[in-house]
Structures are given as C-alpha cells and as structure tokens.
C-alpha cells in the first residue's frame, strides 16, 4: 500500500463516488492532490486485485466493503498484501 493508494481510497470513500480513471485523476487534482494520471491509472487495477476496489463493466471503480473496512482500521495492510 502506498500513500497514493490511501488518497484514492479515502477520496472515493469521502465523496461516495464511482469513477473511471480519468475523471478520478481530474477530481483528485481539483481537490489538491498532485497525482499523475498514469499513477492513478496504474494503481486502480492493483487496488481492485487486492479487493479494495471493484471495477464494473464500464470501467468505473468503486470502494468495496473490504476497502471500507481497511479505511476504518478493521483490517491491517499486511493482511491485504497476503
């Protein structure tokens, strides 16, 4: 887990959003997070692979229950890495 991962997860959680990579990148930057598009685009599949995000058929990502549990401190990052 990287700091960028945490920013992405918290942003989606705080704003209760479901976004594709480009709109997520634009909104993160609009809200003061200096994260490049290639970084956002690269991290989303990794977070989905770990079960923290879910991607729908249209390419939109949303936070999963596991992602919410992680943000709430109910799950440790080492548990997710395994």
PDB file of N, CA and C in Angstrom:
ATOM      1  N   UNK A   1       0.847  -1.181   0.000  1.00  0.00           N
ATOM      2  CA  UNK A   1       0.000   0.000   0.000  1.00  0.00           C
ATOM      3  C   UNK A   1       0.888   1.238   0.000  1.00  0.00           C
ATOM      4  N   UNK A   2       0.525   2.170  -0.860  1.00  0.00           N
ATOM      5  CA  UNK A   2       1.268   3.420  -0.947  1.00  0.00           C
ATOM      6  C   UNK A   2       0.401   4.558  -0.417  1.00  0.00           C
ATOM      7  N   UNK A   3       1.029   5.713  -0.235  1.00  0.00           N
ATOM      8  CA  UNK A   3       0.277   6.890   0.198  1.00  0.00           C
ATOM      9  C   UNK A   3      -0.763   7.259  -0.863  1.00  0.00           C
ATOM     10  N   UNK A   4      -0.405   7.087  -2.123  1.00  0.00           N
ATOM     11  CA  UNK A   4      -1.349   7.355  -3.215  1.00  0.00           C
ATOM     12  C   UNK A   4      -2.563   6.440  -3.110  1.00  0.00           C
ATOM     13  N   UNK A   5      -2.329   5.172  -2.771  1.00  0.00           N
ATOM     14  CA  UNK A   5      -3.440   4.234  -2.603  1.00  0.00           C
ATOM     15  C   UNK A   5      -4.410   4.752  -1.549  1.00  0.00           C
ATOM     16  N   UNK A   6      -3.856   5.205  -0.446  1.00  0.00           N
ATOM     17  CA  UNK A   6      -4.693   5.705   0.645  1.00  0.00           C
ATOM     18  C   UNK A   6      -5.482   6.935   0.200  1.00  0.00           C
ATOM     19  N   UNK A   7      -4.851   7.833  -0.532  1.00  0.00           N
ATOM     20  CA  UNK A   7      -5.537   9.032  -1.031  1.00  0.00           C
ATOM     21  C   UNK A   7      -6.699   8.629  -1.945  1.00  0.00           C
ATOM     22  N   UNK A   8      -6.452   7.698  -2.848  1.00  0.00           N
ATOM     23  CA  UNK A   8      -7.501   7.243  -3.772  1.00  0.00           C
ATOM     24  C   UNK A   8      -8.660   6.623  -3.000  1.00  0.00           C
ATOM     25  N   UNK A   9      -8.361   5.726  -2.088  1.00  0.00           N
ATOM     26  CA  UNK A   9      -9.405   5.052  -1.316  1.00  0.00           C
ATOM     27  C   UNK A   9     -10.210   6.052  -0.484  1.00  0.00           C
ATOM     28  N   UNK A  10      -9.504   6.942   0.204  1.00  0.00           N
ATOM     29  CA  UNK A  10     -10.198   7.926   1.042  1.00  0.00           C
ATOM     30  C   UNK A  10     -11.054   8.876   0.201  1.00  0.00           C
ATOM     31  N   UNK A  11     -10.548   9.264  -0.966  1.00  0.00           N
ATOM     32  CA  UNK A  11     -11.309  10.168  -1.830  1.00  0.00           C
ATOM     33  C   UNK A  11     -12.612   9.516  -2.276  1.00  0.00           C
ATOM     34  N   UNK A  12     -12.528   8.293  -2.751  1.00  0.00           N
ATOM     35  CA  UNK A  12     -13.740   7.586  -3.188  1.00  0.00           C
ATOM     36  C   UNK A  12     -14.702   7.377  -2.029  1.00  0.00           C
ATOM     37  N   UNK A  13     -14.170   7.094  -0.862  1.00  0.00           N
ATOM     38  CA  UNK A  13     -14.998   6.887   0.317  1.00  0.00           C
ATOM     39  C   UNK A  13     -15.640   8.199   0.779  1.00  0.00           C
ATOM     40  N   UNK A  14     -14.834   9.236   0.930  1.00  0.00           N
ATOM     41  CA  UNK A  14     -15.330  10.511   1.449  1.00  0.00           C
ATOM     42  C   UNK A  14     -16.393  11.141   0.561  1.00  0.00           C
ATOM     43  N   UNK A  15     -16.264  10.946  -0.733  1.00  0.00           N
ATOM     44  CA  UNK A  15     -17.195  11.564  -1.674  1.00  0.00           C
ATOM     45  C   UNK A  15     -18.247  10.580  -2.195  1.00  0.00           C
ATOM     46  N   UNK A  16     -18.184   9.327  -1.725  1.00  0.00           N
ATOM     47  CA  UNK A  16     -19.128   8.284  -2.123  1.00  0.00           C
ATOM     48  C   UNK A  16     -19.280   8.246  -3.650  1.00  0.00           C
ATOM     49  N   UNK A  17     -18.119   8.059  -4.319  1.00  0.00           N
ATOM     50  CA  UNK A  17     -18.082   8.115  -5.776  1.00  0.00           C
ATOM     51  C   UNK A  17     -17.766   6.775  -6.412  1.00  0.00           C
ATOM     52  N   UNK A  18     -18.136   6.687  -7.660  1.00  0.00           N
ATOM     53  CA  UNK A  18     -17.795   5.586  -8.554  1.00  0.00           C
ATOM     54  C   UNK A  18     -17.272   6.276  -9.819  1.00  0.00           C
ATOM     55  N   UNK A  19     -15.957   6.123 -10.093  1.00  0.00           N
ATOM     56  CA  UNK A  19     -15.342   6.880 -11.180  1.00  0.00           C
ATOM     57  C   UNK A  19     -14.423   6.031 -12.041  1.00  0.00           C
ATOM     58  N   UNK A  20     -14.304   6.427 -13.297  1.00  0.00           N
ATOM     59  CA  UNK A  20     -13.313   5.863 -14.208  1.00  0.00           C
ATOM     60  C   UNK A  20     -11.977   6.559 -13.923  1.00  0.00           C
ATOM     61  N   UNK A  21     -10.863   6.007 -14.393  1.00  0.00           N
ATOM     62  CA  UNK A  21      -9.554   6.581 -14.069  1.00  0.00           C
ATOM     63  C   UNK A  21      -9.400   8.065 -14.398  1.00  0.00           C
ATOM     64  N   UNK A  22      -9.779   8.512 -15.586  1.00  0.00           N
ATOM     65  CA  UNK A  22      -9.575   9.912 -15.974  1.00  0.00           C
ATOM     66  C   UNK A  22     -10.365  10.881 -15.100  1.00  0.00           C
ATOM     67  N   UNK A  23     -11.671  10.656 -14.894  1.00  0.00           N
ATOM     68  CA  UNK A  23     -12.405  11.563 -14.003  1.00  0.00           C
ATOM     69  C   UNK A  23     -11.873  11.524 -12.561  1.00  0.00           C
ATOM     70  N   UNK A  24     -11.427  10.362 -12.110  1.00  0.00           N
ATOM     71  CA  UNK A  24     -10.861  10.278 -10.765  1.00  0.00           C
ATOM     72  C   UNK A  24      -9.599  11.126 -10.687  1.00  0.00           C
ATOM     73  N   UNK A  25      -8.715  10.987 -11.661  1.00  0.00           N
ATOM     74  CA  UNK A  25      -7.497  11.783 -11.717  1.00  0.00           C
ATOM     75  C   UNK A  25      -7.827  13.279 -11.687  1.00  0.00           C
ATOM     76  N   UNK A  26      -8.755  13.695 -12.524  1.00  0.00           N
ATOM     77  CA  UNK A  26      -9.098  15.120 -12.596  1.00  0.00           C
ATOM     78  C   UNK A  26      -9.665  15.631 -11.284  1.00  0.00           C
ATOM     79  N   UNK A  27     -10.519  14.844 -10.656  1.00  0.00           N
ATOM     80  CA  UNK A  27     -11.113  15.276  -9.390  1.00  0.00           C
ATOM     81  C   UNK A  27     -10.118  15.248  -8.240  1.00  0.00           C
ATOM     82  N   UNK A  28      -9.215  14.279  -8.223  1.00  0.00           N
ATOM     83  CA  UNK A  28      -8.168  14.269  -7.199  1.00  0.00           C
ATOM     84  C   UNK A  28      -7.341  15.547  -7.280  1.00  0.00           C
ATOM     85  N   UNK A  29      -6.930  15.917  -8.483  1.00  0.00           N
ATOM     86  CA  UNK A  29      -6.133  17.127  -8.667  1.00  0.00           C
ATOM     87  C   UNK A  29      -6.937  18.386  -8.371  1.00  0.00           C
ATOM     88  N   UNK A  30      -8.186  18.374  -8.738  1.00  0.00           N
ATOM     89  CA  UNK A  30      -9.069  19.511  -8.454  1.00  0.00           C
ATOM     90  C   UNK A  30      -9.196  19.754  -6.959  1.00  0.00           C
ATOM     91  N   UNK A  31      -9.078  18.683  -6.176  1.00  0.00           N
ATOM     92  CA  UNK A  31      -9.179  18.773  -4.716  1.00  0.00           C
ATOM     93  C   UNK A  31      -7.810  18.852  -4.045  1.00  0.00           C
ATOM     94  N   UNK A  32      -6.770  19.178  -4.824  1.00  0.00           N
ATOM     95  CA  UNK A  32      -5.462  19.455  -4.239  1.00  0.00           C
ATOM     96  C   UNK A  32      -4.494  18.299  -4.138  1.00  0.00           C
ATOM     97  N   UNK A  33      -4.822  17.166  -4.714  1.00  0.00           N
ATOM     98  CA  UNK A  33      -3.919  16.008  -4.680  1.00  0.00           C
ATOM     99  C   UNK A  33      -3.117  15.976  -5.981  1.00  0.00           C
ATOM    100  N   UNK A  34      -1.823  16.187  -5.875  1.00  0.00           N
ATOM    101  CA  UNK A  34      -0.953  16.248  -7.053  1.00  0.00           C
ATOM    102  C   UNK A  34      -0.513  14.832  -7.432  1.00  0.00           C
ATOM    103  N   UNK A  35      -1.396  14.116  -8.119  1.00  0.00           N
ATOM    104  CA  UNK A  35      -1.148  12.737  -8.523  1.00  0.00           C
ATOM    105  C   UNK A  35      -1.307  12.663 -10.036  1.00  0.00           C
ATOM    106  N   UNK A  36      -0.339  12.077 -10.718  1.00  0.00           N
ATOM    107  CA  UNK A  36      -0.377  11.974 -12.173  1.00  0.00           C
ATOM    108  C   UNK A  36      -1.403  10.959 -12.656  1.00  0.00           C
ATOM    109  N   UNK A  37      -1.858  11.183 -13.877  1.00  0.00           N
ATOM    110  CA  UNK A  37      -2.852  10.279 -14.466  1.00  0.00           C
ATOM    111  C   UNK A  37      -2.320   8.858 -14.586  1.00  0.00           C
ATOM    112  N   UNK A  38      -1.077   8.697 -15.009  1.00  0.00           N
ATOM    113  CA  UNK A  38      -0.527   7.339 -15.165  1.00  0.00           C
ATOM    114  C   UNK A  38      -0.451   6.626 -13.817  1.00  0.00           C
ATOM    115  N   UNK A  39      -0.228   7.380 -12.759  1.00  0.00           N
ATOM    116  CA  UNK A  39      -0.201   6.776 -11.420  1.00  0.00           C
ATOM    117  C   UNK A  39      -1.592   6.299 -11.032  1.00  0.00           C
ATOM    118  N   UNK A  40      -2.584   7.146 -11.218  1.00  0.00           N
ATOM    119  CA  UNK A  40      -3.962   6.773 -10.897  1.00  0.00           C
ATOM    120  C   UNK A  40      -4.369   5.560 -11.727  1.00  0.00           C
ATOM    121  N   UNK A  41      -4.127   5.627 -13.024  1.00  0.00           N
ATOM    122  CA  UNK A  41      -4.494   4.538 -13.937  1.00  0.00           C
ATOM    123  C   UNK A  41      -3.807   3.229 -13.557  1.00  0.00           C
ATOM    124  N   UNK A  42      -2.569   3.312 -13.065  1.00  0.00           N
ATOM    125  CA  UNK A  42      -1.835   2.112 -12.680  1.00  0.00           C
ATOM    126  C   UNK A  42      -2.232   1.543 -11.332  1.00  0.00           C
ATOM    127  N   UNK A  43      -2.614   2.405 -10.407  1.00  0.00           N
ATOM    128  CA  UNK A  43      -2.943   1.946  -9.055  1.00  0.00           C
ATOM    129  C   UNK A  43      -4.341   1.326  -8.962  1.00  0.00           C
ATOM    130  N   UNK A  44      -5.278   1.796  -9.769  1.00  0.00           N
ATOM    131  CA  UNK A  44      -6.644   1.290  -9.669  1.00  0.00           C
ATOM    132  C   UNK A  44      -6.744  -0.221  -9.878  1.00  0.00           C
ATOM    133  N   UNK A  45      -6.128  -0.794 -10.919  1.00  0.00           N
ATOM    134  CA  UNK A  45      -6.199  -2.253 -11.063  1.00  0.00           C
ATOM    135  C   UNK A  45      -5.532  -2.997  -9.913  1.00  0.00           C
ATOM    136  N   UNK A  46      -4.454  -2.420  -9.369  1.00  0.00           N
ATOM    137  CA  UNK A  46      -3.778  -3.048  -8.223  1.00  0.00           C
ATOM    138  C   UNK A  46      -4.703  -3.079  -7.006  1.00  0.00           C
ATOM    139  N   UNK A  47      -5.384  -1.981  -6.760  1.00  0.00           N
ATOM    140  CA  UNK A  47      -6.313  -1.924  -5.630  1.00  0.00           C
ATOM    141  C   UNK A  47      -7.499  -2.859  -5.850  1.00  0.00           C
ATOM    142  N   UNK A  48      -7.935  -2.996  -7.090  1.00  0.00           N
ATOM    143  CA  UNK A  48      -9.025  -3.930  -7.396  1.00  0.00           C
ATOM    144  C   UNK A  48      -8.556  -5.370  -7.205  1.00  0.00           C
ATOM    145  N   UNK A  49      -7.332  -5.656  -7.593  1.00  0.00           N
ATOM    146  CA  UNK A  49      -6.781  -7.009  -7.430  1.00  0.00           C
ATOM    147  C   UNK A  49      -6.707  -7.401  -5.958  1.00  0.00           C
ATOM    148  N   UNK A  50      -6.458  -6.417  -5.089  1.00  0.00           N
ATOM    149  CA  UNK A  50      -6.394  -6.668  -3.652  1.00  0.00           C
ATOM    150  C   UNK A  50      -7.775  -6.712  -3.014  1.00  0.00           C
ATOM    151  N   UNK A  51      -8.813  -6.403  -3.800  1.00  0.00           N
ATOM    152  CA  UNK A  51     -10.177  -6.470  -3.295  1.00  0.00           C
ATOM    153  C   UNK A  51     -10.664  -5.206  -2.624  1.00  0.00           C
ATOM    154  N   UNK A  52      -9.869  -4.123  -2.706  1.00  0.00           N
ATOM    155  CA  UNK A  52     -10.260  -2.874  -2.064  1.00  0.00           C
ATOM    156  C   UNK A  52     -11.179  -2.036  -2.943  1.00  0.00           C
ATOM    157  N   UNK A  53     -11.063  -2.219  -4.242  1.00  0.00           N
ATOM    158  CA  UNK A  53     -11.934  -1.565  -5.211  1.00  0.00           C
ATOM    159  C   UNK A  53     -12.566  -2.622  -6.097  1.00  0.00           C
ATOM    160  N   UNK A  54     -13.667  -2.247  -6.708  1.00  0.00           N
ATOM    161  CA  UNK A  54     -14.343  -3.117  -7.663  1.00  0.00           C
ATOM    162  C   UNK A  54     -14.525  -2.340  -8.956  1.00  0.00           C
ATOM    163  N   UNK A  55     -14.232  -2.983 -10.079  1.00  0.00           N
ATOM    164  CA  UNK A  55     -14.387  -2.352 -11.389  1.00  0.00           C
ATOM    165  C   UNK A  55     -15.602  -2.950 -12.077  1.00  0.00           C
ATOM    166  N   UNK A  56     -16.471  -2.074 -12.573  1.00  0.00           N
ATOM    167  CA  UNK A  56     -17.637  -2.585 -13.300  1.00  0.00           C
ATOM    168  C   UNK A  56     -17.320  -2.718 -14.785  1.00  0.00           C
ATOM    169  N   UNK A  57     -18.289  -3.185 -15.547  1.00  0.00           N
ATOM    170  CA  UNK A  57     -18.092  -3.429 -16.978  1.00  0.00           C
ATOM    171  C   UNK A  57     -17.841  -2.159 -17.788  1.00  0.00           C
ATOM    172  N   UNK A  58     -18.193  -1.008 -17.252  1.00  0.00           N
ATOM    173  CA  UNK A  58     -17.985   0.257 -17.943  1.00  0.00           C
ATOM    174  C   UNK A  58     -16.644   0.904 -17.596  1.00  0.00           C
ATOM    175  N   UNK A  59     -15.844   0.246 -16.734  1.00  0.00           N
ATOM    176  CA  UNK A  59     -14.538   0.774 -16.363  1.00  0.00           C
ATOM    177  C   UNK A  59     -14.542   1.715 -15.180  1.00  0.00           C
ATOM    178  N   UNK A  60     -15.626   1.736 -14.439  1.00  0.00           N
ATOM    179  CA  UNK A  60     -15.727   2.585 -13.257  1.00  0.00           C
ATOM    180  C   UNK A  60     -15.336   1.795 -12.015  1.00  0.00           C
ATOM    181  N   UNK A  61     -14.625   2.458 -11.115  1.00  0.00           N
ATOM    182  CA  UNK A  61     -14.159   1.828  -9.881  1.00  0.00           C
ATOM    183  C   UNK A  61     -14.924   2.403  -8.699  1.00  0.00           C
ATOM    184  N   UNK A  62     -15.227   1.510  -7.753  1.00  0.00           N
ATOM    185  CA  UNK A  62     -15.857   1.940  -6.509  1.00  0.00           C
ATOM    186  C   UNK A  62     -15.253   1.163  -5.357  1.00  0.00           C
ATOM    187  N   UNK A  63     -15.363   1.719  -4.179  1.00  0.00           N
ATOM    188  CA  UNK A  63     -14.832   1.105  -2.969  1.00  0.00           C
ATOM    189  C   UNK A  63     -15.654  -0.129  -2.611  1.00  0.00           C
ATOM    190  N   UNK A  64     -14.984  -1.178  -2.169  1.00  0.00           N
ATOM    191  CA  UNK A  64     -15.674  -2.393  -1.726  1.00  0.00           C
ATOM    192  C   UNK A  64     -15.845  -2.356  -0.207  1.00  0.00           C
ATOM    193  N   UNK A  65     -16.556  -3.325   0.317  1.00  0.00           N
ATOM    194  CA  UNK A  65     -16.689  -3.442   1.770  1.00  0.00           C
ATOM    195  C   UNK A  65     -15.314  -3.647   2.408  1.00  0.00           C
ATOM    196  N   UNK A  66     -14.462  -4.442   1.758  1.00  0.00           N
ATOM    197  CA  UNK A  66     -13.106  -4.647   2.264  1.00  0.00           C
ATOM    198  C   UNK A  66     -12.352  -3.321   2.298  1.00  0.00           C
ATOM    199  N   UNK A  67     -12.517  -2.508   1.280  1.00  0.00           N
ATOM    200  CA  UNK A  67     -11.891  -1.187   1.254  1.00  0.00           C
ATOM    201  C   UNK A  67     -12.368  -0.308   2.394  1.00  0.00           C
ATOM    202  N   UNK A  68     -13.651  -0.351   2.671  1.00  0.00           N
ATOM    203  CA  UNK A  68     -14.206   0.428   3.795  1.00  0.00           C
ATOM    204  C   UNK A  68     -13.665  -0.086   5.122  1.00  0.00           C
ATOM    205  N   UNK A  69     -13.560  -1.396   5.249  1.00  0.00           N
ATOM    206  CA  UNK A  69     -13.019  -1.983   6.482  1.00  0.00           C
ATOM    207  C   UNK A  69     -11.558  -1.575   6.676  1.00  0.00           C
ATOM    208  N   UNK A  70     -10.800  -1.552   5.588  1.00  0.00           N
ATOM    209  CA  UNK A  70      -9.407  -1.129   5.664  1.00  0.00           C
ATOM    210  C   UNK A  70      -9.309   0.324   6.133  1.00  0.00           C
ATOM    211  N   UNK A  71     -10.113   1.192   5.538  1.00  0.00           N
ATOM    212  CA  UNK A  71     -10.087   2.600   5.925  1.00  0.00           C
ATOM    213  C   UNK A  71     -10.538   2.810   7.367  1.00  0.00           C
ATOM    214  N   UNK A  72     -11.422   1.968   7.847  1.00  0.00           N
ATOM    215  CA  UNK A  72     -11.914   2.073   9.223  1.00  0.00           C
ATOM    216  C   UNK A  72     -10.920   1.494  10.230  1.00  0.00           C
ATOM    217  N   UNK A  73      -9.831   0.894   9.734  1.00  0.00           N
ATOM    218  CA  UNK A  73      -8.827   0.316  10.619  1.00  0.00           C
ATOM    219  C   UNK A  73      -9.168  -1.073  11.107  1.00  0.00           C
ATOM    220  N   UNK A  74     -10.166  -1.689  10.495  1.00  0.00           N
ATOM    221  CA  UNK A  74     -10.584  -3.022  10.906  1.00  0.00           C
ATOM    222  C   UNK A  74      -9.709  -4.112  10.298  1.00  0.00           C
ATOM    223  N   UNK A  75      -8.963  -3.750   9.240  1.00  0.00           N
ATOM    224  CA  UNK A  75      -8.082  -4.688   8.553  1.00  0.00           C
ATOM    225  C   UNK A  75      -6.721  -4.019   8.408  1.00  0.00           C
ATOM    226  N   UNK A  76      -5.676  -4.760   8.670  1.00  0.00           N
ATOM    227  CA  UNK A  76      -4.316  -4.251   8.555  1.00  0.00           C
ATOM    228  C   UNK A  76      -3.803  -4.393   7.133  1.00  0.00           C
ATOM    229  N   UNK A  77      -2.933  -3.496   6.712  1.00  0.00           N
ATOM    230  CA  UNK A  77      -2.368  -3.538   5.354  1.00  0.00           C
ATOM    231  C   UNK A  77      -1.626  -4.847   5.098  1.00  0.00           C
ATOM    232  N   UNK A  78      -0.997  -5.424   6.118  1.00  0.00           N
ATOM    233  CA  UNK A  78      -0.276  -6.670   5.910  1.00  0.00           C
ATOM    234  C   UNK A  78      -1.231  -7.807   5.572  1.00  0.00           C
ATOM    235  N   UNK A  79      -2.458  -7.751   6.064  1.00  0.00           N
ATOM    236  CA  UNK A  79      -3.453  -8.774   5.733  1.00  0.00           C
ATOM    237  C   UNK A  79      -3.851  -8.682   4.261  1.00  0.00           C
ATOM    238  N   UNK A  80      -3.876  -7.467   3.724  1.00  0.00           N
ATOM    239  CA  UNK A  80      -4.263  -7.256   2.344  1.00  0.00           C
ATOM    240  C   UNK A  80      -3.150  -7.691   1.395  1.00  0.00           C
ATOM    241  N   UNK A  81      -1.905  -7.457   1.794  1.00  0.00           N
ATOM    242  CA  UNK A  81      -0.766  -7.790   0.941  1.00  0.00           C
ATOM    243  C   UNK A  81      -0.638  -9.290   0.709  1.00  0.00           C
ATOM    244  N   UNK A  82      -1.165 -10.094   1.611  1.00  0.00           N
ATOM    245  CA  UNK A  82      -1.005 -11.553   1.511  1.00  0.00           C
ATOM    246  C   UNK A  82      -1.996 -12.158   0.546  1.00  0.00           C
TER     247      UNK A  82
END
